[in-house]
C-alpha cells in the first residue's frame, strides 16, 4: 500500500472478468506511479475477484474491497471515494483501457491549473476485440462545457480526474440515480468549479453488447432528460415545462408555444454562460456560434410551425456566418 498516494483510481467491478485484466494492466503500467488503485467488487459471480487478487499479490497499489452482494455502481463509487486518500480521484471502468500516460497528463494539467476542478479527455472507441473504430470528441474549455451541459453530458465519465477537496462538503453521486449519475454530479459541480477536457484521447472506451450504455439506453435517456430539466430550471430559477427540455434536445413533438419557449430558454442560458464565464471577445463570438446552431437545429426540426422561421432569424442574429455555412451544407448535401 502506498503511504501518501497523489491519486486514488477508483474502479467498480461487476462480472467484468472478460476485459478486467486489460483494464487493470492499463492502470498499473502508467508512467505516473504514485497512486492507489481501489477496486470495488460489487458481488461478482464470475472470476473477477480471482483476477483482482492475482494482481493484488504482485502490486501493493491494488486495494480490493468486496461488497459481498450487488449494491450497484453508485454505492460502489461513493464507498470508493469515502476511503480514498489521494489528492486527486480518477475514474476507471472495468471494460475500458487507459492510455499509459493518462495519469501523468491529468495530474500535470491539474497541478498547472489550480482553478480547474474536473478534467476529462477525448477517447477512442474500441470494439470487443480492442480495435479502434471511432473517436469521441468533447468540448475543451469551461464555457464550452458549461454551455453543452444544458443539452447533453459533455464529460466522459471514465476519463475523469477531479480534486478530492471539491467533494468534501457535497453529497457525491446521488444513490437515487441508477444511471446518468455522473451527469447529475457535473450539473452540481459546474456551479462550484471550472471544468476542462484535454484534447487528447487518454482513454479507450469499449462498446460491447453488455455495457450499460447499450443495455439501458432508453432508461439512460429518460434519466438524462430529467437531470437536464432540473439543471436548466435551477439555473434559470424558474419552472420549465419538461417538454421544452425535450425540444431543446430534439426529442419528441411539441406545440408552437413550446417552440417559442425553447428559443427563449436558449437565449436566457446563453446570457448566463456569458455572464458567469468572463469571456474574451473571441470566446463570446464562439458562444454566439453555439447559440446560433442550437436555435437553427431546433427550428429546422419543426419547420411546420411559423415560429420556426423566427428561430432562423434569431440564429442569423447570433451568428450570420454560422447560419450561412450550415445552409450551404444543407443545400449541398440535402437533409440528413
Protein backbone atom coordinates (compact mmCIF):
# COMPACT_ATOMS: atom_id res chain seq x y z
CA UNK A 1 0.00 0.00 0.00
CA UNK A 2 1.31 3.46 -0.94
CA UNK A 3 1.57 5.67 2.17
CA UNK A 4 0.74 9.02 0.57
CA UNK A 5 -0.78 8.47 -2.89
CA UNK A 6 -1.26 11.52 -5.09
CA UNK A 7 -4.09 9.81 -6.98
CA UNK A 8 -6.81 7.37 -5.98
CA UNK A 9 -8.02 5.42 -9.02
CA UNK A 10 -11.50 4.03 -8.36
CA UNK A 11 -12.93 1.18 -10.41
CA UNK A 12 -16.19 -0.66 -9.63
CA UNK A 13 -16.45 -4.20 -11.00
CA UNK A 14 -19.49 -6.40 -11.52
CA UNK A 15 -19.00 -9.59 -13.54
CA UNK A 16 -16.27 -7.87 -15.52
CA UNK A 17 -13.84 -10.76 -15.97
CA UNK A 18 -13.85 -10.62 -19.78
CA UNK A 19 -11.95 -7.33 -20.06
CA UNK A 20 -10.74 -6.88 -16.48
CA UNK A 21 -7.13 -7.92 -16.99
CA UNK A 22 -6.63 -5.33 -19.75
CA UNK A 23 -8.25 -2.62 -17.64
CA UNK A 24 -6.10 -3.33 -14.56
CA UNK A 25 -2.89 -3.60 -16.58
CA UNK A 26 -3.55 -0.26 -18.24
CA UNK A 27 -3.57 1.43 -14.81
CA UNK A 28 -0.64 -0.48 -13.29
CA UNK A 29 1.51 0.36 -16.35
CA UNK A 30 1.00 4.13 -16.04
CA UNK A 31 4.07 6.36 -16.36
CA UNK A 32 2.85 8.22 -13.27
CA UNK A 33 3.09 5.65 -10.46
CA UNK A 34 2.20 7.47 -7.22
CA UNK A 35 -1.33 6.15 -6.93
CA UNK A 36 -3.55 3.68 -5.11
CA UNK A 37 -5.90 1.54 -7.18
CA UNK A 38 -9.16 0.94 -5.30
CA UNK A 39 -11.18 -1.82 -6.96
CA UNK A 40 -14.66 -2.45 -5.55
CA UNK A 41 -16.14 -5.80 -6.48
CA UNK A 42 -19.91 -5.47 -6.43
CA UNK A 43 -20.91 -9.09 -5.82
CA UNK A 44 -19.48 -10.58 -9.00
CA UNK A 45 -20.38 -14.17 -9.83
CA UNK A 46 -17.63 -14.73 -12.39
CA UNK A 47 -13.83 -14.80 -11.99
CA UNK A 48 -13.48 -11.08 -11.32
CA UNK A 49 -12.36 -11.40 -7.67
CA UNK A 50 -9.77 -14.06 -8.55
CA UNK A 51 -8.30 -11.83 -11.25
CA UNK A 52 -8.11 -8.84 -8.90
CA UNK A 53 -6.50 -10.91 -6.13
CA UNK A 54 -3.82 -12.17 -8.52
CA UNK A 55 -2.83 -8.57 -9.32
CA UNK A 56 -3.06 -7.62 -5.64
CA UNK A 57 -0.40 -10.22 -4.76
CA UNK A 58 2.13 -8.70 -7.13
CA UNK A 59 1.35 -4.98 -6.75
CA UNK A 60 0.73 -3.29 -3.39
CA UNK A 61 -1.05 -0.39 -5.05
CA UNK A 62 -4.08 -2.62 -5.71
CA UNK A 63 -6.69 -2.44 -2.94
CA UNK A 64 -9.63 -4.85 -3.24
CA UNK A 65 -12.88 -4.08 -1.47
CA UNK A 66 -15.74 -6.58 -1.69
CA UNK A 67 -19.38 -5.50 -1.33
CA UNK A 68 -20.26 -9.22 -0.91
CA UNK A 69 -23.59 -8.54 -2.60
CA UNK A 70 -24.60 -6.48 -5.61
CA UNK A 71 -25.30 -2.94 -4.38
CA UNK A 72 -24.89 -1.01 -7.61
CA UNK A 73 -22.33 1.27 -9.19
CA UNK A 74 -23.38 4.41 -7.29
CA UNK A 75 -22.90 2.78 -3.89
CA UNK A 76 -19.55 1.38 -5.02
CA UNK A 77 -18.32 4.74 -6.32
CA UNK A 78 -19.33 6.57 -3.15
CA UNK A 79 -17.72 3.91 -0.98
CA UNK A 80 -14.52 4.07 -3.03
CA UNK A 81 -14.35 7.84 -2.67
CA UNK A 82 -15.03 7.62 1.08
CA UNK A 83 -11.86 5.54 1.64
CA UNK A 84 -9.68 7.27 -1.00
CA UNK A 85 -6.55 9.01 0.29
CA UNK A 86 -5.33 10.77 -2.84
CA UNK A 87 -5.24 14.47 -3.61
CA UNK A 88 -6.94 13.55 -6.88
CA UNK A 89 -9.58 10.93 -7.75
CA UNK A 90 -9.52 9.21 -11.15
CA UNK A 91 -12.39 7.13 -12.54
CA UNK A 92 -11.91 3.90 -14.40
CA UNK A 93 -14.32 1.29 -15.79
CA UNK A 94 -13.50 -2.41 -15.85
CA UNK A 95 -14.07 -2.81 -19.59
CA UNK A 96 -12.02 0.20 -20.75
CA UNK A 97 -8.30 0.82 -21.25
CA UNK A 98 -6.39 3.90 -20.11
CA UNK A 99 -3.60 5.38 -22.20
CA UNK A 100 -0.33 4.67 -20.36
CA UNK A 101 0.28 8.42 -19.90
CA UNK A 102 -3.26 9.29 -18.82
CA UNK A 103 -2.49 9.92 -15.12
CA UNK A 104 0.68 11.82 -15.97
CA UNK A 105 -1.23 14.11 -18.33
CA UNK A 106 -4.13 14.75 -15.97
CA UNK A 107 -2.09 15.25 -12.78
CA UNK A 108 0.24 17.60 -14.66
CA UNK A 109 -2.70 19.59 -16.00
CA UNK A 110 -4.36 19.96 -12.58
CA UNK A 111 -1.06 20.95 -10.97
CA UNK A 112 -0.56 23.69 -13.57
CA UNK A 113 -4.18 24.88 -13.45
CA UNK A 114 -5.37 25.17 -9.83
CA UNK A 115 -8.62 26.82 -10.92
CA UNK A 116 -9.76 23.61 -12.68
CA UNK A 117 -11.61 21.13 -10.50
CA UNK A 118 -12.60 18.44 -13.03
CA UNK A 119 -10.65 17.30 -16.08
CA UNK A 120 -11.70 14.74 -18.67
CA UNK A 121 -10.41 13.90 -22.14
CA UNK A 122 -11.24 12.68 -25.60
CA UNK A 123 -11.41 8.92 -26.13
CA UNK A 124 -11.04 6.30 -28.81
CA UNK A 125 -13.97 3.92 -29.19
CA UNK A 126 -12.91 0.27 -29.36
CA UNK A 127 -14.85 -2.89 -30.09
CA UNK A 128 -14.91 -6.19 -28.22
CA UNK A 129 -11.52 -7.12 -29.69
CA UNK A 130 -9.93 -3.81 -28.78
CA UNK A 131 -9.90 -2.43 -32.32
CA UNK A 132 -10.31 1.36 -32.67
CA UNK A 133 -13.17 2.35 -34.95
CA UNK A 134 -14.11 5.89 -33.90
CA UNK A 135 -13.22 8.79 -31.64
CA UNK A 136 -15.27 10.67 -29.04
CA UNK A 137 -14.66 14.40 -29.28
CA UNK A 138 -15.55 16.64 -26.35
CA UNK A 139 -15.61 20.42 -25.81
CA UNK A 140 -12.37 21.74 -24.34
CA UNK A 141 -12.84 24.90 -22.27
CA UNK A 142 -15.06 25.61 -19.29
CA UNK A 143 -17.55 27.88 -21.07
CA UNK A 144 -17.99 25.32 -23.86
CA UNK A 145 -18.59 22.53 -21.33
CA UNK A 146 -20.94 24.76 -19.31
CA UNK A 147 -22.98 25.50 -22.45
CA UNK A 148 -23.12 21.88 -23.64
CA UNK A 149 -24.09 20.64 -20.19
CA UNK A 150 -27.53 22.23 -20.66
CA UNK A 151 -28.25 19.85 -23.55
CA UNK A 152 -26.15 16.72 -23.01
CA UNK A 153 -23.31 15.24 -20.97
CA UNK A 154 -20.03 16.59 -22.43
CA UNK A 155 -17.79 14.80 -19.91
CA UNK A 156 -16.84 11.16 -20.49
CA UNK A 157 -17.12 9.64 -17.01
CA UNK A 158 -14.33 7.01 -17.12
CA UNK A 159 -11.91 9.64 -18.47
CA UNK A 160 -12.34 11.94 -15.46
CA UNK A 161 -9.90 13.05 -12.78
CA UNK A 162 -11.05 15.51 -10.15
CA UNK A 163 -9.76 17.16 -6.99
CA UNK A 164 -10.71 15.34 -3.82
CA UNK A 165 -11.30 18.57 -1.89
CA UNK A 166 -14.19 19.65 -4.12
CA UNK A 167 -16.13 16.60 -2.92
CA UNK A 168 -15.68 17.25 0.80
CA UNK A 169 -18.84 19.23 1.55
CA UNK A 170 -21.33 17.93 -1.02
CA UNK A 171 -23.23 14.70 -1.47
CA UNK A 172 -21.25 12.81 -4.10
CA UNK A 173 -23.08 10.51 -6.52
CA UNK A 174 -26.85 10.50 -5.96
CA UNK A 175 -27.83 6.97 -4.92
CA UNK A 176 -31.32 7.54 -6.33
CA UNK A 177 -29.70 7.62 -9.79
CA UNK A 178 -29.20 4.13 -11.19
CA UNK A 179 -27.99 5.66 -14.46
CA UNK A 180 -26.51 9.00 -15.57
CA UNK A 181 -25.28 9.62 -12.01
CA UNK A 182 -22.17 11.30 -13.41
CA UNK A 183 -24.23 13.81 -15.42
CA UNK A 184 -26.19 14.72 -12.29
CA UNK A 185 -22.95 15.29 -10.34
CA UNK A 186 -21.47 17.51 -13.08
CA UNK A 187 -24.58 19.74 -13.04
CA UNK A 188 -23.92 20.42 -9.36
CA UNK A 189 -20.15 20.75 -9.57
CA UNK A 190 -20.25 23.15 -12.55
CA UNK A 191 -21.77 25.73 -10.19
CA UNK A 192 -18.69 25.49 -7.94
CA UNK A 193 -15.59 24.71 -10.02
CA UNK A 194 -14.22 25.00 -13.55
CA UNK A 195 -14.09 22.06 -15.96
CA UNK A 196 -11.71 21.19 -18.79
CA UNK A 197 -11.34 18.40 -21.35
CA UNK A 198 -7.82 17.59 -22.53
CA UNK A 199 -7.87 17.38 -26.31
CA UNK A 200 -6.06 14.04 -26.46
CA UNK A 201 -7.65 10.58 -26.41
CA UNK A 202 -6.47 9.34 -23.00
CA UNK A 203 -9.00 6.51 -22.82
CA UNK A 204 -10.01 3.57 -24.99
CA UNK A 205 -13.77 3.38 -24.43
CA UNK A 206 -15.14 -0.07 -25.18
CA UNK A 207 -18.56 -0.62 -26.74
CA UNK A 208 -19.92 -4.15 -26.43
CA UNK A 209 -23.25 -5.90 -26.03
CA UNK A 210 -23.15 -5.98 -22.23
CA UNK A 211 -22.09 -2.48 -21.22
CA UNK A 212 -24.56 -0.19 -19.51
CA UNK A 213 -24.86 2.22 -22.44
CA UNK A 214 -26.17 -0.50 -24.74
CA UNK A 215 -28.30 -2.44 -22.23
CA UNK A 216 -30.14 0.53 -20.72
CA UNK A 217 -30.10 3.14 -23.46
CA UNK A 218 -33.76 4.23 -23.12
CA UNK A 219 -33.62 4.45 -19.32
CA UNK A 220 -30.40 6.44 -19.51
CA UNK A 221 -32.01 8.85 -21.97
CA UNK A 222 -35.02 9.47 -19.72
CA UNK A 223 -32.79 9.96 -16.68
CA UNK A 224 -30.64 12.34 -18.66
CA UNK A 225 -33.65 14.42 -19.71
CA UNK A 226 -34.85 14.68 -16.09
CA UNK A 227 -31.40 15.77 -14.93
CA UNK A 228 -31.29 18.23 -17.80
CA UNK A 229 -34.70 19.60 -16.76
CA UNK A 230 -33.66 20.08 -13.14
CA UNK A 231 -30.38 21.76 -14.10
CA UNK A 232 -31.98 24.25 -16.52
CA UNK A 233 -34.77 25.11 -14.07
CA UNK A 234 -32.27 25.58 -11.24
CA UNK A 235 -30.03 27.75 -13.39
CA UNK A 236 -32.86 29.97 -14.61
CA UNK A 237 -34.54 29.90 -11.17
CA UNK A 238 -37.96 29.23 -12.61
CA UNK A 239 -40.20 26.36 -13.64
CA UNK A 240 -39.63 24.98 -17.14
CA UNK A 241 -42.08 22.53 -18.79
CA UNK A 242 -40.42 19.16 -19.25
CA UNK A 243 -41.43 19.04 -22.91
CA UNK A 244 -39.47 22.25 -23.58
CA UNK A 245 -36.35 20.34 -22.50
CA UNK A 246 -37.25 17.58 -24.96
CA UNK A 247 -37.50 20.23 -27.68
CA UNK A 248 -34.04 21.56 -26.75
CA UNK A 249 -32.65 18.04 -27.07
CA UNK A 250 -34.50 17.36 -30.34
CA UNK A 251 -36.69 14.70 -28.71
CA UNK A 252 -40.43 14.33 -29.25
CA UNK A 253 -43.14 16.54 -30.66
CA UNK A 254 -44.11 19.99 -29.42
CA UNK A 255 -46.60 22.82 -29.77
CA UNK A 256 -45.79 26.17 -31.32
CA UNK A 257 -45.85 27.76 -27.85
CA UNK A 258 -43.31 25.22 -26.60
CA UNK A 259 -41.10 26.03 -29.57
CA UNK A 260 -41.28 29.75 -28.69
CA UNK A 261 -40.40 28.84 -25.10
CA UNK A 262 -37.43 26.76 -26.25
CA UNK A 263 -35.96 29.69 -28.18
CA UNK A 264 -36.40 31.91 -25.12
CA UNK A 265 -34.70 29.37 -22.84
CA UNK A 266 -31.74 29.05 -25.21
CA UNK A 267 -31.22 32.82 -25.18
CA UNK A 268 -31.51 33.04 -21.39
CA UNK A 269 -29.00 30.22 -20.91
CA UNK A 270 -26.59 31.93 -23.31
CA UNK A 271 -26.73 35.12 -21.24
CA UNK A 272 -25.97 33.18 -18.05
CA UNK A 273 -22.99 31.37 -19.59
CA UNK A 274 -21.65 34.66 -20.92
CA UNK A 275 -22.09 36.50 -17.61
CA UNK A 276 -20.56 33.76 -15.46
CA UNK A 277 -17.62 32.90 -17.68
CA UNK A 278 -15.80 36.25 -18.19
CA UNK A 279 -15.38 35.54 -21.90
CA UNK A 280 -12.86 37.13 -24.20
CA UNK A 281 -14.16 38.70 -27.40
CA UNK A 282 -13.17 35.59 -29.37
CA UNK A 283 -14.84 33.26 -26.88
CA UNK A 284 -18.04 35.35 -26.95
CA UNK A 285 -18.07 35.03 -30.72
CA UNK A 286 -17.69 31.26 -30.39
CA UNK A 287 -20.51 31.11 -27.85
CA UNK A 288 -22.72 33.08 -30.24
CA UNK A 289 -22.00 30.46 -32.89
CA UNK A 290 -23.02 27.67 -30.49
CA UNK A 291 -26.24 29.53 -29.65
CA UNK A 292 -26.97 30.16 -33.31
CA UNK A 293 -26.55 26.50 -34.22
CA UNK A 294 -28.67 25.32 -31.29
CA UNK A 295 -31.53 27.61 -32.34
CA UNK A 296 -31.07 26.69 -36.02
CA UNK A 297 -31.19 22.96 -35.29
CA UNK A 298 -34.25 23.35 -33.04
CA UNK A 299 -36.07 25.37 -35.72
CA UNK A 300 -35.09 23.09 -38.62
CA UNK A 301 -36.75 20.09 -36.96
CA UNK A 302 -40.03 22.00 -36.50
CA UNK A 303 -40.47 23.77 -39.84
CA UNK A 304 -44.22 23.08 -39.88
CA UNK A 305 -44.62 25.96 -37.41
CA UNK A 306 -44.37 29.67 -38.32
CA UNK A 307 -42.33 30.05 -35.11
CA UNK A 308 -39.53 28.07 -36.76
CA UNK A 309 -38.89 30.98 -39.13
CA UNK A 310 -38.47 33.28 -36.14
CA UNK A 311 -35.88 30.77 -34.97
CA UNK A 312 -33.95 31.07 -38.23
CA UNK A 313 -33.93 34.88 -37.83
CA UNK A 314 -32.67 34.55 -34.25
CA UNK A 315 -29.97 32.15 -35.35
CA UNK A 316 -28.87 34.61 -38.03
CA UNK A 317 -28.82 37.40 -35.43
CA UNK A 318 -26.40 35.47 -33.22
CA UNK A 319 -24.05 34.35 -36.00
CA UNK A 320 -24.78 35.10 -39.66
CA UNK A 321 -21.72 33.17 -40.81
CA UNK A 322 -22.72 30.02 -38.90
CA UNK A 323 -26.20 30.08 -40.47
CA UNK A 324 -24.84 30.71 -43.96
CA UNK A 325 -22.35 27.82 -43.61
CA UNK A 326 -24.99 25.47 -42.26
CA UNK A 327 -27.44 26.44 -45.02
CA UNK A 328 -24.77 25.92 -47.67
CA UNK A 329 -24.03 22.42 -46.34
CA UNK A 330 -27.75 21.65 -46.28
CA UNK A 331 -28.14 22.71 -49.92
CA UNK A 332 -25.06 20.75 -50.99
CA UNK A 333 -25.80 17.54 -49.12
CA UNK A 334 -29.56 17.61 -48.61
CA UNK A 335 -31.38 16.73 -45.37
CA UNK A 336 -29.68 14.22 -43.09
